Amino acid sequence: MHLVFMAHPKRPNAWKVRDRALKIAEGKGFVCSLIDGMSSELPSGADVIVVIGGDGSLIRASHLACRYDIPLLGIHCGRVGFLTELTEETFPDALDRLKEGRYAQKVRSMLDVCVNSGQARPCLNDVFVYKHSFSGVTQLDLSVDRNSVGTLYGDGVVVASSTGATGYSLSAGGPIVAEGLDAILITPICPHTLQMRPIVASIGSTVTVKVSENCFVAADGDKICKLKKGDVLTVSRSEYRTRILSFGEHNPFRLLTEKLS
């Protein structure tokens, strides 16, 4: 089995963990390769991407893994760690279980974000439309499957997948989504109207955001572009998916309590 190791590009501690983990894997008979944390290509024959860092590192790696449809395995070196299940200490046992086929594979839906019918960009976590300055509010017209939700006056909106429910959407007052439930979440950021509340839509829905004044859009934390008045952004289910290897049972609600207390 061929393991490809990827570490957070700006965390020397993650590089050290990566190097130690790679030596352990080689000692257990795995074929191992290294790629840069910002790489856009995988070596031939890769079976699993081992990501060392936090959830952000795994989310960045998902953009590469989804194109090759190969799974991710996360070693946690970050602050929160909802997606990166393993630690450096539990990694050797996970390798043994990987060889023996004693693991689960969690398939997570991704979203496509598209500006003005342009090229779609897949993302695992969320799409964030936000105002261009600290003062004032932005005006966004929201709809789900061509049904108008209303006009949002506020700081912006997060459109998240079920995976992204524990990210910015949660911080903005969005709902926690039970594991195994596919959905698209629409969470207003500091709305200036009482009737604009978070919405949970089907994963098969299309969310449309029409911009009434200049603002920005980001996907999975990376700024995509500046939006101008009249621009239309759509978010829908992507044909891509992210596969994440899991080696133990865990209670996602207990994890939330432990990580966010």
Protein backbone atom coordinates (compact mmCIF):
# COMPACT_ATOMS: atom_id res chain seq x y z
CA MET A 1 0.00 0.00 0.00
CA HIS A 2 1.28 3.44 -0.98
CA LEU A 3 0.92 6.23 1.61
CA VAL A 4 1.47 9.87 0.65
CA PHE A 5 2.36 12.19 3.53
CA MET A 6 1.33 15.85 3.57
CA ALA A 7 1.94 18.32 6.43
CA HIS A 8 0.80 21.85 7.22
CA PRO A 9 3.19 24.05 5.18
CA LYS A 10 3.76 26.58 7.98
CA ARG A 11 4.04 24.36 11.05
CA PRO A 12 7.56 22.99 11.70
CA ASN A 13 6.12 20.78 14.44
CA ALA A 14 3.87 19.12 11.86
CA TRP A 15 6.91 18.47 9.63
CA LYS A 16 8.65 16.68 12.51
CA VAL A 17 5.59 14.54 13.21
CA ARG A 18 5.33 13.80 9.49
CA ASP A 19 8.94 12.62 9.30
CA ARG A 20 8.57 10.37 12.35
CA ALA A 21 5.26 8.96 11.09
CA LEU A 22 6.77 8.25 7.67
CA LYS A 23 9.63 6.26 9.22
CA ILE A 24 7.15 4.22 11.27
CA ALA A 25 5.11 3.46 8.14
CA GLU A 26 8.20 2.44 6.18
CA GLY A 27 9.20 0.16 9.05
CA LYS A 28 5.83 -1.58 8.75
CA GLY A 29 6.33 -2.22 5.04
CA PHE A 30 4.33 0.61 3.49
CA VAL A 31 5.50 2.44 0.36
CA CYS A 32 5.78 6.11 1.36
CA SER A 33 6.06 9.43 -0.49
CA LEU A 34 6.19 13.08 0.54
CA ILE A 35 4.36 15.93 -1.14
CA ASP A 36 4.22 19.62 -0.36
CA GLY A 37 1.24 20.89 1.61
CA MET A 38 0.16 23.00 -1.37
CA SER A 39 0.71 20.30 -4.00
CA SER A 40 -1.79 19.86 -6.81
CA GLU A 41 -0.57 16.45 -8.00
CA LEU A 42 -0.20 12.99 -6.45
CA PRO A 43 2.46 10.40 -7.23
CA SER A 44 1.36 7.44 -9.33
CA GLY A 45 -0.21 4.57 -7.41
CA ALA A 46 -1.08 6.54 -4.27
CA ASP A 47 -3.64 4.76 -2.07
CA VAL A 48 -4.05 7.05 0.97
CA ILE A 49 -3.07 10.64 1.81
CA VAL A 50 -1.83 10.97 5.40
CA VAL A 51 -2.44 14.56 6.52
CA ILE A 52 -0.53 15.96 9.50
CA GLY A 53 -1.97 19.15 10.97
CA GLY A 54 -5.42 20.29 12.02
CA ASP A 55 -8.82 20.22 10.38
CA GLY A 56 -7.76 23.05 8.07
CA SER A 57 -4.92 20.92 6.71
CA LEU A 58 -7.30 18.03 6.04
CA ILE A 59 -9.79 20.35 4.33
CA ARG A 60 -7.04 21.67 2.04
CA ALA A 61 -5.97 18.10 1.27
CA SER A 62 -9.56 17.21 0.36
CA HIS A 63 -9.32 19.45 -2.72
CA LEU A 64 -6.57 17.19 -4.02
CA ALA A 65 -7.93 13.86 -2.75
CA CYS A 66 -11.39 14.35 -4.25
CA ARG A 67 -9.98 14.64 -7.78
CA TYR A 68 -8.25 11.28 -7.39
CA ASP A 69 -11.04 9.77 -5.27
CA ILE A 70 -8.62 8.41 -2.67
CA PRO A 71 -9.15 8.55 1.11
CA LEU A 72 -7.58 10.80 3.72
CA LEU A 73 -6.13 9.79 7.07
CA GLY A 74 -5.60 12.63 9.56
CA ILE A 75 -3.00 12.93 12.34
CA HIS A 76 -4.01 15.74 14.66
CA CYS A 77 -1.48 18.51 15.45
CA GLY A 78 -3.92 21.42 15.54
CA ARG A 79 -6.18 23.11 18.07
CA VAL A 80 -9.64 21.62 17.58
CA GLY A 81 -9.56 18.44 15.50
CA PHE A 82 -13.03 17.22 14.53
CA LEU A 83 -11.84 15.58 11.32
CA THR A 84 -8.25 14.57 12.17
CA GLU A 85 -8.95 11.56 14.35
CA LEU A 86 -5.49 10.11 15.08
CA THR A 87 -2.57 11.34 17.18
CA GLU A 88 1.09 10.53 16.72
CA GLU A 89 0.76 7.98 19.52
CA THR A 90 -2.23 6.15 17.97
CA PHE A 91 -0.85 6.21 14.42
CA PRO A 92 1.20 2.95 14.64
CA ASP A 93 -1.84 0.95 15.76
CA ALA A 94 -3.90 2.53 12.97
CA LEU A 95 -1.32 1.36 10.43
CA ASP A 96 -1.71 -2.22 11.67
CA ARG A 97 -5.48 -1.94 11.38
CA LEU A 98 -5.12 -0.41 7.91
CA LYS A 99 -3.13 -3.44 6.77
CA GLU A 100 -5.72 -5.80 8.23
CA GLY A 101 -8.68 -3.89 6.81
CA ARG A 102 -10.06 -3.08 10.28
CA TYR A 103 -11.26 0.46 9.69
CA ALA A 104 -14.30 2.42 8.57
CA GLN A 105 -14.55 4.82 5.67
CA LYS A 106 -16.69 7.93 6.03
CA VAL A 107 -17.87 9.51 2.78
CA ARG A 108 -18.58 13.24 3.04
CA SER A 109 -20.49 15.26 0.47
CA MET A 110 -18.84 18.33 -1.00
CA LEU A 111 -20.34 21.55 -2.34
CA ASP A 112 -19.78 23.35 -5.64
CA VAL A 113 -19.63 27.14 -5.59
CA CYS A 114 -20.15 28.99 -8.85
CA VAL A 115 -20.09 32.75 -9.58
CA ASN A 116 -22.20 34.04 -12.48
CA SER A 117 -22.45 30.57 -14.08
CA GLY A 118 -18.66 30.32 -14.24
CA GLN A 119 -16.50 27.32 -13.44
CA ALA A 120 -17.58 25.42 -10.34
CA ARG A 121 -15.15 25.08 -7.44
CA PRO A 122 -15.61 22.15 -5.02
CA CYS A 123 -15.29 22.68 -1.27
CA LEU A 124 -15.68 20.38 1.72
CA ASN A 125 -16.55 22.78 4.52
CA ASP A 126 -18.31 26.00 3.58
CA VAL A 127 -18.79 29.02 1.36
CA PHE A 128 -18.69 32.44 3.02
CA VAL A 129 -20.04 35.66 1.51
CA TYR A 130 -18.99 38.67 3.57
CA LYS A 131 -19.06 42.47 3.46
CA HIS A 132 -16.11 44.43 2.12
CA SER A 133 -15.59 46.71 5.15
CA PHE A 134 -15.93 46.66 8.93
CA SER A 135 -18.65 49.32 8.96
CA GLY A 136 -22.16 49.10 7.57
CA VAL A 137 -24.03 46.01 6.36
CA THR A 138 -24.24 44.05 3.15
CA GLN A 139 -27.47 43.23 1.32
CA LEU A 140 -27.94 39.71 -0.05
CA ASP A 141 -31.03 38.18 -1.67
CA LEU A 142 -31.23 34.50 -0.77
CA SER A 143 -33.19 31.71 -2.40
CA VAL A 144 -33.37 27.92 -2.14
CA ASP A 145 -34.40 26.03 -5.28
CA ARG A 146 -35.67 29.30 -6.78
CA ASN A 147 -37.89 29.94 -3.75
CA SER A 148 -37.05 33.30 -2.19
CA VAL A 149 -35.89 33.18 1.42
CA GLY A 150 -35.77 36.96 1.69
CA THR A 151 -33.21 39.75 1.83
CA LEU A 152 -30.42 39.46 4.36
CA TYR A 153 -29.05 42.68 5.83
CA GLY A 154 -26.00 41.90 7.92
CA ASP A 155 -22.33 40.94 7.79
CA GLY A 156 -22.81 38.08 5.34
CA VAL A 157 -23.87 34.45 5.09
CA VAL A 158 -22.27 31.01 5.47
CA VAL A 159 -23.47 28.19 3.23
CA ALA A 160 -22.06 25.01 4.74
CA SER A 161 -22.07 21.27 4.20
CA SER A 162 -22.77 18.88 7.07
CA THR A 163 -19.00 18.70 7.56
CA GLY A 164 -18.86 22.50 7.83
CA ALA A 165 -21.61 22.57 10.47
CA THR A 166 -18.95 22.54 13.23
CA GLY A 167 -16.98 25.39 11.61
CA TYR A 168 -17.87 29.03 11.08
CA SER A 169 -21.56 28.16 10.76
CA LEU A 170 -21.62 26.88 14.35
CA SER A 171 -19.84 30.01 15.62
CA ALA A 172 -22.46 32.14 13.85
CA GLY A 173 -25.33 30.33 15.56
CA GLY A 174 -25.96 27.58 13.02
CA PRO A 175 -27.24 24.11 14.00
CA ILE A 176 -25.23 21.02 14.85
CA VAL A 177 -25.92 18.29 12.29
CA ALA A 178 -26.06 14.67 13.42
CA GLU A 179 -23.44 12.43 11.83
CA GLY A 180 -24.71 10.68 8.73
CA LEU A 181 -27.20 13.39 7.79
CA ASP A 182 -26.48 15.14 4.48
CA ALA A 183 -27.66 18.75 4.29
CA ILE A 184 -26.83 22.28 3.19
CA LEU A 185 -26.88 24.87 5.97
CA ILE A 186 -27.57 28.57 5.40
CA THR A 187 -26.44 30.62 8.38
CA PRO A 188 -26.76 34.44 8.40
CA ILE A 189 -23.86 36.37 9.95
CA CYS A 190 -25.07 39.03 12.41
CA PRO A 191 -28.43 39.59 10.65
CA HIS A 192 -30.08 42.95 11.25
CA THR A 193 -33.58 41.45 11.07
CA LEU A 194 -35.20 39.06 13.54
CA GLN A 195 -36.92 36.93 10.88
CA MET A 196 -33.69 35.87 9.12
CA ARG A 197 -32.81 32.58 10.85
CA PRO A 198 -30.52 29.63 9.98
CA ILE A 199 -31.98 27.22 7.42
CA VAL A 200 -31.32 23.52 6.87
CA ALA A 201 -31.94 22.47 3.25
CA SER A 202 -31.65 19.17 1.42
CA ILE A 203 -28.20 18.28 0.10
CA GLY A 204 -29.82 18.22 -3.34
CA SER A 205 -30.92 21.84 -3.11
CA THR A 206 -29.40 24.81 -4.92
CA VAL A 207 -28.76 27.91 -2.84
CA THR A 208 -28.58 31.22 -4.70
CA VAL A 209 -27.11 34.44 -3.32
CA LYS A 210 -27.68 37.63 -5.34
CA VAL A 211 -25.43 40.52 -4.37
CA SER A 212 -26.76 44.06 -4.06
CA GLU A 213 -23.44 45.73 -3.20
CA ASN A 214 -19.75 44.91 -3.24
CA CYS A 215 -18.61 42.02 -1.05
CA PHE A 216 -16.27 39.02 -1.11
CA VAL A 217 -16.67 35.26 -1.33
CA ALA A 218 -14.42 32.58 0.17
CA ALA A 219 -14.56 28.78 -0.06
CA ASP A 220 -12.99 26.60 2.64
CA GLY A 221 -11.22 29.70 3.99
CA ASP A 222 -9.64 30.78 0.68
CA LYS A 223 -10.84 34.05 -0.84
CA ILE A 224 -12.13 33.40 -4.36
CA CYS A 225 -13.01 36.84 -5.67
CA LYS A 226 -14.73 40.16 -5.10
CA LEU A 227 -18.44 40.25 -5.90
CA LYS A 228 -20.11 43.29 -7.44
CA LYS A 229 -23.70 44.47 -7.45
CA GLY A 230 -25.80 42.12 -9.55
CA ASP A 231 -23.44 39.13 -9.28
CA VAL A 232 -25.11 35.80 -8.55
CA LEU A 233 -23.46 33.01 -6.58
CA THR A 234 -24.85 29.47 -6.51
CA VAL A 235 -23.99 26.63 -4.13
CA SER A 236 -25.07 23.06 -4.80
CA ARG A 237 -23.98 19.48 -4.21
CA SER A 238 -20.73 18.60 -5.97
CA GLU A 239 -20.08 15.45 -7.98
CA TYR A 240 -16.89 15.16 -5.91
CA ARG A 241 -16.74 13.64 -2.44
CA THR A 242 -14.20 13.32 0.35
CA ARG A 243 -13.42 9.94 1.91
CA ILE A 244 -11.91 9.90 5.42
CA LEU A 245 -10.60 6.79 7.15
CA SER A 246 -11.75 6.17 10.72
CA PHE A 247 -10.25 3.72 13.22
CA GLY A 248 -12.46 4.04 16.28
CA GLU A 249 -15.97 4.69 17.48
CA HIS A 250 -16.59 8.19 18.72
CA ASN A 251 -19.52 10.22 19.96
CA PRO A 252 -19.62 13.41 17.84
CA PHE A 253 -21.65 15.27 20.46
CA ARG A 254 -19.19 14.39 23.23
CA LEU A 255 -16.39 15.48 20.89
CA LEU A 256 -18.09 18.85 20.46
CA THR A 257 -18.30 19.28 24.22
CA GLU A 258 -14.65 18.29 24.75
CA LYS A 259 -13.27 20.45 21.93
CA LEU A 260 -15.36 23.57 22.47
CA SER A 261 -15.55 23.72 26.27
